[in-house]
Amino acid sequence: MKFKLGDTVSFLNQIGEGVITKCEQRRYLVEDEHGFDDWYEERELVAKNKLKIDGVQFKDTSAGAAPRKDNGASSLLEKDLHFNKLVEFPKNFSNHQMLEIQLREARNFLDRSKKGGNKRVVLIHGVGEGRLKEEIHTMLERMDNLRFYDASYAEYGRGATEIEFY
């Protein structure tokens, strides 16, 4: 077998990468960066080699959070959930897939922010038809130890939600 469980691979005939979660003969179940599983033949995958380079800090593209100054006191992290900011080819996804990816990104961002000791963050969801905002608020209502409200209208218009952890 060329690949083993946990290997990161990219795809020969499509954009993206994933992690091998199951091996059967020369077929591999790969979970892509959006959380979707699919089977691939060995010839359809390319190994992604990880280089070990000491002293180099790599940019964390998964976080996607930009710090903002909050009245000069502390930094306020924000996550832009506009779909074209999350994936390379947004037209390749159904509305349901887009919403699932946006919600997973929001949840991961909130988990990382809370673990990182941030007290306040902003999720930028845009205005649109309001479906993403509605789903985010539903998700936040089910979470403990936080409160949320519309972010500053002056900075974000009606397209963002601010979350405070306590």
C-alpha atoms as a PDB file:
ATOM      1  CA  MET A   1       0.000   0.000   0.000  1.00  0.00           C
ATOM      2  CA  LYS A   2       1.243   3.390  -0.988  1.00  0.00           C
ATOM      3  CA  PHE A   3      -0.773   5.387   1.576  1.00  0.00           C
ATOM      4  CA  LYS A   4      -1.688   4.749   5.202  1.00  0.00           C
ATOM      5  CA  LEU A   5      -4.333   6.026   7.607  1.00  0.00           C
ATOM      6  CA  GLY A   6      -3.866   9.669   8.495  1.00  0.00           C
ATOM      7  CA  ASP A   7      -1.861  10.559   5.383  1.00  0.00           C
ATOM      8  CA  THR A   8      -2.699  13.898   3.795  1.00  0.00           C
ATOM      9  CA  VAL A   9      -3.260  13.634   0.057  1.00  0.00           C
ATOM     10  CA  SER A  10      -4.301  15.866  -2.802  1.00  0.00           C
ATOM     11  CA  PHE A  11      -6.378  14.751  -5.747  1.00  0.00           C
ATOM     12  CA  LEU A  12      -4.935  14.172  -9.192  1.00  0.00           C
ATOM     13  CA  ASN A  13      -7.979  15.297 -11.176  1.00  0.00           C
ATOM     14  CA  GLN A  14      -9.614  17.875  -8.926  1.00  0.00           C
ATOM     15  CA  ILE A  15      -8.842  20.755  -6.592  1.00  0.00           C
ATOM     16  CA  GLY A  16      -8.440  20.126  -2.877  1.00  0.00           C
ATOM     17  CA  GLU A  17      -6.893  17.784  -0.385  1.00  0.00           C
ATOM     18  CA  GLY A  18      -7.935  15.447   2.377  1.00  0.00           C
ATOM     19  CA  VAL A  19      -6.924  12.868   4.957  1.00  0.00           C
ATOM     20  CA  ILE A  20      -7.125   9.125   4.464  1.00  0.00           C
ATOM     21  CA  THR A  21      -9.569   7.636   6.956  1.00  0.00           C
ATOM     22  CA  LYS A  22      -9.908   4.068   5.649  1.00  0.00           C
ATOM     23  CA  CYS A  23      -7.936   1.709   3.379  1.00  0.00           C
ATOM     24  CA  GLU A  24      -9.329  -1.297   1.488  1.00  0.00           C
ATOM     25  CA  GLN A  25      -6.987  -2.966  -1.003  1.00  0.00           C
ATOM     26  CA  ARG A  26      -5.972  -0.120  -3.343  1.00  0.00           C
ATOM     27  CA  ARG A  27      -9.001   2.077  -2.566  1.00  0.00           C
ATOM     28  CA  TYR A  28      -8.984   4.820   0.041  1.00  0.00           C
ATOM     29  CA  LEU A  29     -11.729   6.695   1.865  1.00  0.00           C
ATOM     30  CA  VAL A  30     -10.640  10.338   2.021  1.00  0.00           C
ATOM     31  CA  GLU A  31     -12.206  13.065   4.149  1.00  0.00           C
ATOM     32  CA  ASP A  32     -11.696  16.326   2.279  1.00  0.00           C
ATOM     33  CA  GLU A  33     -11.082  19.738   3.839  1.00  0.00           C
ATOM     34  CA  HIS A  34     -14.847  20.352   3.908  1.00  0.00           C
ATOM     35  CA  GLY A  35     -15.611  17.197   5.889  1.00  0.00           C
ATOM     36  CA  PHE A  36     -17.007  15.145   3.006  1.00  0.00           C
ATOM     37  CA  ASP A  37     -15.927  11.505   2.563  1.00  0.00           C
ATOM     38  CA  ASP A  38     -15.382   9.860  -0.807  1.00  0.00           C
ATOM     39  CA  TRP A  39     -13.619   6.766  -2.142  1.00  0.00           C
ATOM     40  CA  TYR A  40     -10.602   7.112  -4.453  1.00  0.00           C
ATOM     41  CA  GLU A  41      -8.377   4.703  -6.319  1.00  0.00           C
ATOM     42  CA  GLU A  42      -4.682   4.852  -5.425  1.00  0.00           C
ATOM     43  CA  ARG A  43      -3.874   6.270  -8.868  1.00  0.00           C
ATOM     44  CA  GLU A  44      -6.200   9.255  -8.220  1.00  0.00           C
ATOM     45  CA  LEU A  45      -4.265  10.459  -5.154  1.00  0.00           C
ATOM     46  CA  VAL A  46      -0.996  12.317  -4.662  1.00  0.00           C
ATOM     47  CA  ALA A  47       0.887  12.292  -1.352  1.00  0.00           C
ATOM     48  CA  LYS A  48       1.288  15.650   0.357  1.00  0.00           C
ATOM     49  CA  ASN A  49       4.706  15.549   1.983  1.00  0.00           C
ATOM     50  CA  LYS A  50       5.150  17.579   5.122  1.00  0.00           C
ATOM     51  CA  LEU A  51       8.507  19.283   5.339  1.00  0.00           C
ATOM     52  CA  LYS A  52      10.031  19.751   8.761  1.00  0.00           C
ATOM     53  CA  ILE A  53      11.693  23.133   8.805  1.00  0.00           C
ATOM     54  CA  ASP A  54      12.878  24.472  12.133  1.00  0.00           C
ATOM     55  CA  GLY A  55      12.357  28.115  13.006  1.00  0.00           C
ATOM     56  CA  VAL A  56       9.674  28.820  10.392  1.00  0.00           C
ATOM     57  CA  GLN A  57       6.167  29.798  11.386  1.00  0.00           C
ATOM     58  CA  PHE A  58       3.524  28.839   8.867  1.00  0.00           C
ATOM     59  CA  LYS A  59       0.425  30.922   8.335  1.00  0.00           C
ATOM     60  CA  ASP A  60      -2.652  29.248   9.812  1.00  0.00           C
ATOM     61  CA  THR A  61      -5.072  29.426   6.893  1.00  0.00           C
ATOM     62  CA  SER A  62      -7.685  27.383   8.756  1.00  0.00           C
ATOM     63  CA  ALA A  63      -8.226  30.094  11.350  1.00  0.00           C
ATOM     64  CA  GLY A  64      -9.050  32.827   8.847  1.00  0.00           C
ATOM     65  CA  ALA A  65      -9.519  35.292  11.676  1.00  0.00           C
ATOM     66  CA  ALA A  66      -8.396  38.878  11.468  1.00  0.00           C
ATOM     67  CA  PRO A  67      -7.707  40.824  14.664  1.00  0.00           C
ATOM     68  CA  ARG A  68      -9.316  44.251  14.979  1.00  0.00           C
ATOM     69  CA  LYS A  69      -8.708  46.935  17.533  1.00  0.00           C
ATOM     70  CA  ASP A  70     -11.614  47.314  19.911  1.00  0.00           C
ATOM     71  CA  ASN A  71     -11.460  50.871  21.246  1.00  0.00           C
ATOM     72  CA  GLY A  72      -7.726  50.368  21.697  1.00  0.00           C
ATOM     73  CA  ALA A  73      -8.254  48.037  24.646  1.00  0.00           C
ATOM     74  CA  SER A  74      -8.065  44.487  23.318  1.00  0.00           C
ATOM     75  CA  SER A  75      -8.010  42.780  19.973  1.00  0.00           C
ATOM     76  CA  LEU A  76     -11.333  41.578  18.587  1.00  0.00           C
ATOM     77  CA  LEU A  77     -11.168  38.574  16.277  1.00  0.00           C
ATOM     78  CA  GLU A  78     -13.516  38.344  13.337  1.00  0.00           C
ATOM     79  CA  LYS A  79     -14.311  35.539  10.925  1.00  0.00           C
ATOM     80  CA  ASP A  80     -15.695  36.302   7.474  1.00  0.00           C
ATOM     81  CA  LEU A  81     -18.141  33.549   6.548  1.00  0.00           C
ATOM     82  CA  HIS A  82     -18.802  34.737   3.001  1.00  0.00           C
ATOM     83  CA  PHE A  83     -18.489  31.485   1.093  1.00  0.00           C
ATOM     84  CA  ASN A  84     -16.042  32.790  -1.518  1.00  0.00           C
ATOM     85  CA  LYS A  85     -13.641  33.527   1.369  1.00  0.00           C
ATOM     86  CA  LEU A  86     -13.816  29.913   2.602  1.00  0.00           C
ATOM     87  CA  VAL A  87     -13.310  27.840  -0.554  1.00  0.00           C
ATOM     88  CA  GLU A  88     -11.410  28.199  -3.781  1.00  0.00           C
ATOM     89  CA  PHE A  89     -14.241  27.322  -6.197  1.00  0.00           C
ATOM     90  CA  PRO A  90     -17.552  28.332  -4.579  1.00  0.00           C
ATOM     91  CA  LYS A  91     -19.661  27.503  -7.652  1.00  0.00           C
ATOM     92  CA  ASN A  92     -18.967  23.777  -7.186  1.00  0.00           C
ATOM     93  CA  PHE A  93     -21.228  23.513  -4.108  1.00  0.00           C
ATOM     94  CA  SER A  94     -24.955  23.226  -3.516  1.00  0.00           C
ATOM     95  CA  ASN A  95     -26.692  25.695  -1.194  1.00  0.00           C
ATOM     96  CA  HIS A  96     -26.935  23.012   1.482  1.00  0.00           C
ATOM     97  CA  GLN A  97     -23.217  22.193   1.238  1.00  0.00           C
ATOM     98  CA  MET A  98     -22.337  25.884   1.425  1.00  0.00           C
ATOM     99  CA  LEU A  99     -24.433  26.379   4.559  1.00  0.00           C
ATOM    100  CA  GLU A 100     -22.956  23.277   6.232  1.00  0.00           C
ATOM    101  CA  ILE A 101     -19.393  24.445   5.504  1.00  0.00           C
ATOM    102  CA  GLN A 102     -20.127  27.966   6.757  1.00  0.00           C
ATOM    103  CA  LEU A 103     -21.660  26.654   9.983  1.00  0.00           C
ATOM    104  CA  ARG A 104     -18.760  24.266  10.581  1.00  0.00           C
ATOM    105  CA  GLU A 105     -16.279  27.117  10.020  1.00  0.00           C
ATOM    106  CA  ALA A 106     -18.224  29.303  12.457  1.00  0.00           C
ATOM    107  CA  ARG A 107     -18.311  26.552  15.106  1.00  0.00           C
ATOM    108  CA  ASN A 108     -14.580  25.796  14.703  1.00  0.00           C
ATOM    109  CA  PHE A 109     -13.747  29.494  14.905  1.00  0.00           C
ATOM    110  CA  LEU A 110     -15.798  29.882  18.105  1.00  0.00           C
ATOM    111  CA  ASP A 111     -14.193  26.808  19.679  1.00  0.00           C
ATOM    112  CA  ARG A 112     -10.667  28.014  18.827  1.00  0.00           C
ATOM    113  CA  SER A 113     -11.435  31.531  20.017  1.00  0.00           C
ATOM    114  CA  LYS A 114     -12.809  30.374  23.354  1.00  0.00           C
ATOM    115  CA  LYS A 115      -9.884  27.979  23.917  1.00  0.00           C
ATOM    116  CA  GLY A 116      -7.518  30.798  22.985  1.00  0.00           C
ATOM    117  CA  GLY A 117      -8.894  32.987  25.748  1.00  0.00           C
ATOM    118  CA  ASN A 118     -10.716  35.508  23.554  1.00  0.00           C
ATOM    119  CA  LYS A 119     -13.629  37.169  25.309  1.00  0.00           C
ATOM    120  CA  ARG A 120     -15.312  38.716  22.257  1.00  0.00           C
ATOM    121  CA  VAL A 121     -15.401  37.773  18.577  1.00  0.00           C
ATOM    122  CA  VAL A 122     -17.384  38.742  15.483  1.00  0.00           C
ATOM    123  CA  LEU A 123     -18.879  36.446  12.856  1.00  0.00           C
ATOM    124  CA  ILE A 124     -19.416  38.238   9.544  1.00  0.00           C
ATOM    125  CA  HIS A 125     -22.296  36.502   7.789  1.00  0.00           C
ATOM    126  CA  GLY A 126     -23.480  39.218   5.439  1.00  0.00           C
ATOM    127  CA  VAL A 127     -27.067  40.279   4.884  1.00  0.00           C
ATOM    128  CA  GLY A 128     -28.345  38.201   1.949  1.00  0.00           C
ATOM    129  CA  GLU A 129     -31.641  36.426   2.575  1.00  0.00           C
ATOM    130  CA  GLY A 130     -30.761  35.943   6.248  1.00  0.00           C
ATOM    131  CA  ARG A 131     -30.581  32.135   6.245  1.00  0.00           C
ATOM    132  CA  LEU A 132     -26.960  31.955   7.441  1.00  0.00           C
ATOM    133  CA  LYS A 133     -27.608  34.545  10.170  1.00  0.00           C
ATOM    134  CA  GLU A 134     -30.680  32.591  11.285  1.00  0.00           C
ATOM    135  CA  GLU A 135     -28.742  29.304  11.444  1.00  0.00           C
ATOM    136  CA  ILE A 136     -25.825  30.934  13.291  1.00  0.00           C
ATOM    137  CA  HIS A 137     -28.195  32.412  15.876  1.00  0.00           C
ATOM    138  CA  THR A 138     -29.877  29.011  16.309  1.00  0.00           C
ATOM    139  CA  MET A 139     -26.452  27.408  16.827  1.00  0.00           C
ATOM    140  CA  LEU A 140     -25.435  30.117  19.333  1.00  0.00           C
ATOM    141  CA  GLU A 141     -28.682  29.721  21.298  1.00  0.00           C
ATOM    142  CA  ARG A 142     -27.723  26.083  21.916  1.00  0.00           C
ATOM    143  CA  MET A 143     -24.249  26.939  23.211  1.00  0.00           C
ATOM    144  CA  ASP A 144     -23.436  27.624  26.854  1.00  0.00           C
ATOM    145  CA  ASN A 145     -21.472  30.450  28.474  1.00  0.00           C
ATOM    146  CA  LEU A 146     -21.915  33.058  25.794  1.00  0.00           C
ATOM    147  CA  ARG A 147     -24.204  35.828  24.689  1.00  0.00           C
ATOM    148  CA  PHE A 148     -24.585  37.298  21.241  1.00  0.00           C
ATOM    149  CA  TYR A 149     -26.069  40.322  19.547  1.00  0.00           C
ATOM    150  CA  ASP A 150     -25.830  42.288  16.300  1.00  0.00           C
ATOM    151  CA  ALA A 151     -22.332  43.694  15.872  1.00  0.00           C
ATOM    152  CA  SER A 152     -21.674  47.408  15.454  1.00  0.00           C
ATOM    153  CA  TYR A 153     -23.878  48.774  12.689  1.00  0.00           C
ATOM    154  CA  ALA A 154     -21.283  51.468  11.966  1.00  0.00           C
ATOM    155  CA  GLU A 155     -18.610  48.836  11.221  1.00  0.00           C
ATOM    156  CA  TYR A 156     -20.574  45.902   9.792  1.00  0.00           C
ATOM    157  CA  GLY A 157     -24.037  47.129   8.866  1.00  0.00           C
ATOM    158  CA  ARG A 158     -26.592  44.384   9.512  1.00  0.00           C
ATOM    159  CA  GLY A 159     -24.243  41.642   8.371  1.00  0.00           C
ATOM    160  CA  ALA A 160     -22.400  40.538  11.526  1.00  0.00           C
ATOM    161  CA  THR A 161     -22.989  39.049  14.957  1.00  0.00           C
ATOM    162  CA  GLU A 162     -20.810  39.739  17.984  1.00  0.00           C
ATOM    163  CA  ILE A 163     -20.289  36.984  20.555  1.00  0.00           C
ATOM    164  CA  GLU A 164     -19.098  37.423  24.148  1.00  0.00           C
ATOM    165  CA  PHE A 165     -17.809  34.448  26.120  1.00  0.00           C
ATOM    166  CA  TYR A 166     -18.176  34.348  29.895  1.00  0.00           C
END
